């Protein structure tokens, strides 16, 4: 609240009674400010489960980040593996077993699944990814600081201005499909929409998405139709 705002104001501008030491402290604190600007993202997911497929007893799943951007694919698959591992579910990255520069026949793909004991194949496809922008209105605030004027401690007003600029933030939507390897049927299908803040990027989106997918997987696998 107001106390937090005051602390941040002091962090940026220094305290009026810090004096010469305050200048050094201000520089020191400003050095640490960027570390607080960590991006975050949120994800909403909607899903439908196939009542004929029980995936609660899957031993291992393969995750596939369906994106033409190989760097993002690696990031997404790594985040998915981590998210499922935290839920005590064994997951492997498809890029470690299926090369993106090699053509495979359906039989070869099926053999890879069998050789690696894959029960389910989770595909996460990027439907859209955009950078949205928003304008932050300019605002002025009057503050007061104490200083000595003609030997007397006096409150002196000063004005600070914020805003007056635009910020951009990432948004993306995804299609998620879990396929049962044994039957070839879709075990569940979902859509997800993710949005980050002005300090985030698609890697931030990836982590939020992966955590939400793993959470939804657990919820759906424990649901009895």
Protein backbone atom coordinates (compact mmCIF):
# COMPACT_ATOMS: atom_id res chain seq x y z
CA UNK A 1 0.00 0.00 0.00
CA UNK A 2 1.16 3.52 0.82
CA UNK A 3 4.06 2.20 2.95
CA UNK A 4 5.29 0.06 0.06
CA UNK A 5 5.02 3.04 -2.30
CA UNK A 6 7.01 5.16 0.15
CA UNK A 7 9.74 2.55 0.44
CA UNK A 8 9.99 2.29 -3.36
CA UNK A 9 10.09 6.09 -3.64
CA UNK A 10 12.97 6.20 -1.16
CA UNK A 11 14.63 3.36 -3.06
CA UNK A 12 14.57 5.40 -6.28
CA UNK A 13 15.06 8.98 -5.05
CA UNK A 14 16.83 8.61 -1.71
CA UNK A 15 15.75 9.79 1.71
CA UNK A 16 15.95 13.56 2.39
CA UNK A 17 18.11 12.96 5.49
CA UNK A 18 20.62 10.60 3.92
CA UNK A 19 22.92 13.45 2.86
CA UNK A 20 26.18 12.53 1.13
CA UNK A 21 25.82 8.92 2.22
CA UNK A 22 22.41 8.95 0.56
CA UNK A 23 23.94 9.59 -2.85
CA UNK A 24 26.09 6.50 -2.54
CA UNK A 25 23.19 4.48 -1.14
CA UNK A 26 20.96 5.63 -4.00
CA UNK A 27 23.48 4.43 -6.57
CA UNK A 28 23.84 1.12 -4.76
CA UNK A 29 20.10 0.56 -4.55
CA UNK A 30 19.52 1.57 -8.16
CA UNK A 31 22.01 -1.14 -9.11
CA UNK A 32 19.72 -3.72 -7.52
CA UNK A 33 16.39 -2.36 -8.85
CA UNK A 34 16.50 -4.25 -12.21
CA UNK A 35 16.59 -7.56 -10.34
CA UNK A 36 13.11 -6.86 -9.02
CA UNK A 37 11.67 -6.38 -12.51
CA UNK A 38 10.90 -10.03 -13.12
CA UNK A 39 8.25 -10.79 -15.70
CA UNK A 40 5.22 -12.90 -14.90
CA UNK A 41 2.43 -14.45 -16.95
CA UNK A 42 -0.95 -16.07 -16.44
CA UNK A 43 -2.67 -18.84 -18.39
CA UNK A 44 -6.31 -19.82 -18.73
CA UNK A 45 -7.09 -23.32 -19.99
CA UNK A 46 -10.28 -25.06 -21.10
CA UNK A 47 -10.35 -28.80 -21.75
CA UNK A 48 -12.46 -31.82 -22.68
CA UNK A 49 -11.62 -35.36 -21.61
CA UNK A 50 -12.36 -38.56 -23.56
CA UNK A 51 -14.24 -40.78 -21.07
CA UNK A 52 -13.14 -43.89 -22.97
CA UNK A 53 -9.42 -43.33 -22.29
CA UNK A 54 -7.95 -43.75 -18.81
CA UNK A 55 -4.58 -42.01 -18.69
CA UNK A 56 -4.29 -41.97 -14.91
CA UNK A 57 -1.94 -44.97 -15.05
CA UNK A 58 0.42 -43.64 -17.74
CA UNK A 59 4.04 -44.35 -16.82
CA UNK A 60 5.65 -42.01 -19.32
CA UNK A 61 4.54 -39.32 -21.75
CA UNK A 62 6.34 -37.57 -24.57
CA UNK A 63 5.86 -33.80 -24.92
CA UNK A 64 6.04 -32.00 -28.24
CA UNK A 65 6.21 -28.22 -28.67
CA UNK A 66 4.65 -27.73 -32.09
CA UNK A 67 6.39 -24.52 -33.14
CA UNK A 68 8.52 -23.59 -36.13
CA UNK A 69 10.76 -21.65 -33.73
CA UNK A 70 13.17 -24.37 -32.60
CA UNK A 71 14.46 -22.28 -29.68
CA UNK A 72 10.92 -21.83 -28.34
CA UNK A 73 10.20 -25.51 -28.94
CA UNK A 74 13.20 -26.48 -26.80
CA UNK A 75 12.14 -24.04 -24.07
CA UNK A 76 8.53 -25.23 -24.05
CA UNK A 77 9.43 -28.92 -24.01
CA UNK A 78 11.94 -28.39 -21.20
CA UNK A 79 9.34 -26.44 -19.20
CA UNK A 80 6.76 -29.19 -19.77
CA UNK A 81 9.18 -31.90 -18.64
CA UNK A 82 9.98 -29.89 -15.50
CA UNK A 83 6.31 -29.18 -14.77
CA UNK A 84 5.33 -32.85 -15.09
CA UNK A 85 8.35 -33.99 -13.09
CA UNK A 86 7.22 -31.73 -10.24
CA UNK A 87 3.89 -33.61 -10.38
CA UNK A 88 5.75 -36.96 -10.16
CA UNK A 89 4.98 -37.82 -13.78
CA UNK A 90 7.77 -39.01 -16.07
CA UNK A 91 7.96 -36.94 -19.24
CA UNK A 92 10.50 -36.80 -22.03
CA UNK A 93 11.15 -34.16 -24.65
CA UNK A 94 10.34 -35.19 -28.22
CA UNK A 95 13.28 -33.22 -29.60
CA UNK A 96 15.62 -35.56 -27.70
CA UNK A 97 14.18 -38.60 -29.49
CA UNK A 98 12.81 -37.24 -32.77
CA UNK A 99 15.10 -34.98 -34.77
CA UNK A 100 13.44 -31.87 -36.26
CA UNK A 101 15.60 -32.16 -39.39
CA UNK A 102 14.80 -35.77 -40.23
CA UNK A 103 11.76 -37.23 -41.95
CA UNK A 104 10.13 -40.20 -40.21
CA UNK A 105 7.59 -42.71 -41.40
CA UNK A 106 4.58 -43.53 -39.23
CA UNK A 107 6.13 -46.91 -38.50
CA UNK A 108 9.40 -45.32 -37.36
CA UNK A 109 7.55 -42.95 -35.05
CA UNK A 110 5.55 -45.83 -33.61
CA UNK A 111 8.76 -47.77 -32.99
CA UNK A 112 10.24 -44.81 -31.12
CA UNK A 113 7.17 -44.77 -28.88
CA UNK A 114 7.44 -48.50 -28.21
CA UNK A 115 11.21 -48.55 -27.64
CA UNK A 116 10.93 -45.70 -25.12
CA UNK A 117 7.82 -47.05 -23.35
CA UNK A 118 5.73 -43.98 -24.21
CA UNK A 119 2.09 -44.23 -23.10
CA UNK A 120 0.89 -40.81 -24.21
CA UNK A 121 1.94 -38.15 -26.70
CA UNK A 122 1.23 -34.56 -25.62
CA UNK A 123 1.29 -32.01 -28.44
CA UNK A 124 1.20 -28.28 -27.67
CA UNK A 125 0.73 -26.21 -30.83
CA UNK A 126 1.18 -22.45 -31.03
CA UNK A 127 -1.97 -21.05 -32.64
CA UNK A 128 -1.01 -17.38 -32.38
CA UNK A 129 1.60 -15.24 -30.66
CA UNK A 130 1.48 -11.45 -30.64
CA UNK A 131 2.87 -8.39 -28.90
CA UNK A 132 0.13 -6.17 -27.54
CA UNK A 133 0.71 -2.57 -26.46
CA UNK A 134 -0.94 -0.27 -23.95
CA UNK A 135 -0.48 3.43 -23.20
CA UNK A 136 0.33 4.47 -19.64
CA UNK A 137 -1.19 7.94 -19.07
CA UNK A 138 1.07 10.66 -17.75
CA UNK A 139 0.42 11.73 -14.17
CA UNK A 140 2.01 14.28 -11.88
CA UNK A 141 2.30 14.04 -8.11
CA UNK A 142 3.21 16.64 -5.52
CA UNK A 143 5.45 15.39 -2.73
CA UNK A 144 7.21 17.05 0.16
CA UNK A 145 10.74 16.75 1.49
CA UNK A 146 12.28 18.27 4.59
CA UNK A 147 15.24 20.57 4.24
CA UNK A 148 16.78 23.47 6.13
CA UNK A 149 15.88 26.94 4.82
CA UNK A 150 17.47 29.91 6.64
CA UNK A 151 18.28 27.66 9.57
CA UNK A 152 14.76 26.23 9.87
CA UNK A 153 13.58 22.74 8.96
CA UNK A 154 10.93 23.30 6.30
CA UNK A 155 8.72 21.05 4.15
CA UNK A 156 9.43 21.91 0.53
CA UNK A 157 7.08 20.68 -2.24
CA UNK A 158 8.38 19.04 -5.37
CA UNK A 159 6.66 17.41 -8.34
CA UNK A 160 7.31 14.02 -9.86
CA UNK A 161 5.88 12.78 -13.14
CA UNK A 162 5.19 9.23 -14.24
CA UNK A 163 3.67 7.57 -17.29
CA UNK A 164 3.39 9.10 -20.72
CA UNK A 165 4.73 6.05 -22.50
CA UNK A 166 3.61 2.78 -24.05
CA UNK A 167 4.39 -0.73 -22.83
CA UNK A 168 4.21 -3.99 -24.74
CA UNK A 169 3.38 -7.43 -23.46
CA UNK A 170 3.14 -10.89 -25.06
CA UNK A 171 -0.07 -12.84 -25.68
CA UNK A 172 -0.37 -16.32 -27.14
CA UNK A 173 -2.94 -19.05 -27.66
CA UNK A 174 -2.34 -22.80 -27.89
CA UNK A 175 -4.03 -26.07 -28.85
CA UNK A 176 -3.18 -29.02 -26.60
CA UNK A 177 -3.84 -32.67 -27.50
CA UNK A 178 -2.94 -35.79 -25.53
CA UNK A 179 -2.99 -38.91 -27.72
CA UNK A 180 -3.14 -42.42 -26.31
CA UNK A 181 -0.36 -44.41 -27.99
CA UNK A 182 -2.00 -47.81 -27.57
CA UNK A 183 -5.32 -46.90 -29.25
CA UNK A 184 -4.38 -43.80 -31.23
CA UNK A 185 -7.37 -41.99 -29.72
CA UNK A 186 -7.38 -38.48 -28.29
CA UNK A 187 -7.32 -38.75 -24.48
CA UNK A 188 -8.03 -35.07 -23.95
CA UNK A 189 -8.03 -31.85 -25.88
CA UNK A 190 -7.61 -28.32 -24.55
CA UNK A 191 -7.11 -24.72 -25.57
CA UNK A 192 -5.07 -22.24 -23.58
CA UNK A 193 -4.58 -18.48 -23.63
CA UNK A 194 -1.56 -16.92 -21.99
CA UNK A 195 -0.69 -13.30 -21.32
CA UNK A 196 2.43 -11.74 -19.82
CA UNK A 197 3.24 -8.35 -18.36
CA UNK A 198 5.57 -5.68 -19.75
CA UNK A 199 8.62 -7.40 -18.25
CA UNK A 200 7.88 -10.82 -19.73
CA UNK A 201 8.56 -12.63 -22.99
CA UNK A 202 7.57 -15.91 -24.64
CA UNK A 203 9.82 -17.83 -22.26
CA UNK A 204 7.76 -16.47 -19.38
CA UNK A 205 4.62 -17.53 -21.25
CA UNK A 206 6.10 -21.01 -21.76
CA UNK A 207 6.68 -21.60 -18.04
CA UNK A 208 3.17 -20.43 -17.10
CA UNK A 209 1.62 -22.58 -19.84
CA UNK A 210 3.59 -25.70 -18.88
CA UNK A 211 2.59 -25.44 -15.23
CA UNK A 212 -1.07 -25.00 -16.14
CA UNK A 213 -1.03 -27.97 -18.57
CA UNK A 214 0.53 -30.27 -15.95
CA UNK A 215 -2.05 -29.12 -13.42
CA UNK A 216 -4.90 -29.75 -15.88
CA UNK A 217 -3.48 -33.18 -16.72
CA UNK A 218 -3.60 -34.16 -13.05
CA UNK A 219 -7.12 -32.83 -12.65
CA UNK A 220 -8.42 -34.65 -15.73
CA UNK A 221 -6.64 -37.94 -15.00
CA UNK A 222 -8.32 -38.10 -11.59
CA UNK A 223 -11.76 -37.29 -12.99
CA UNK A 224 -14.15 -40.23 -13.21
CA UNK A 225 -16.80 -39.99 -15.89
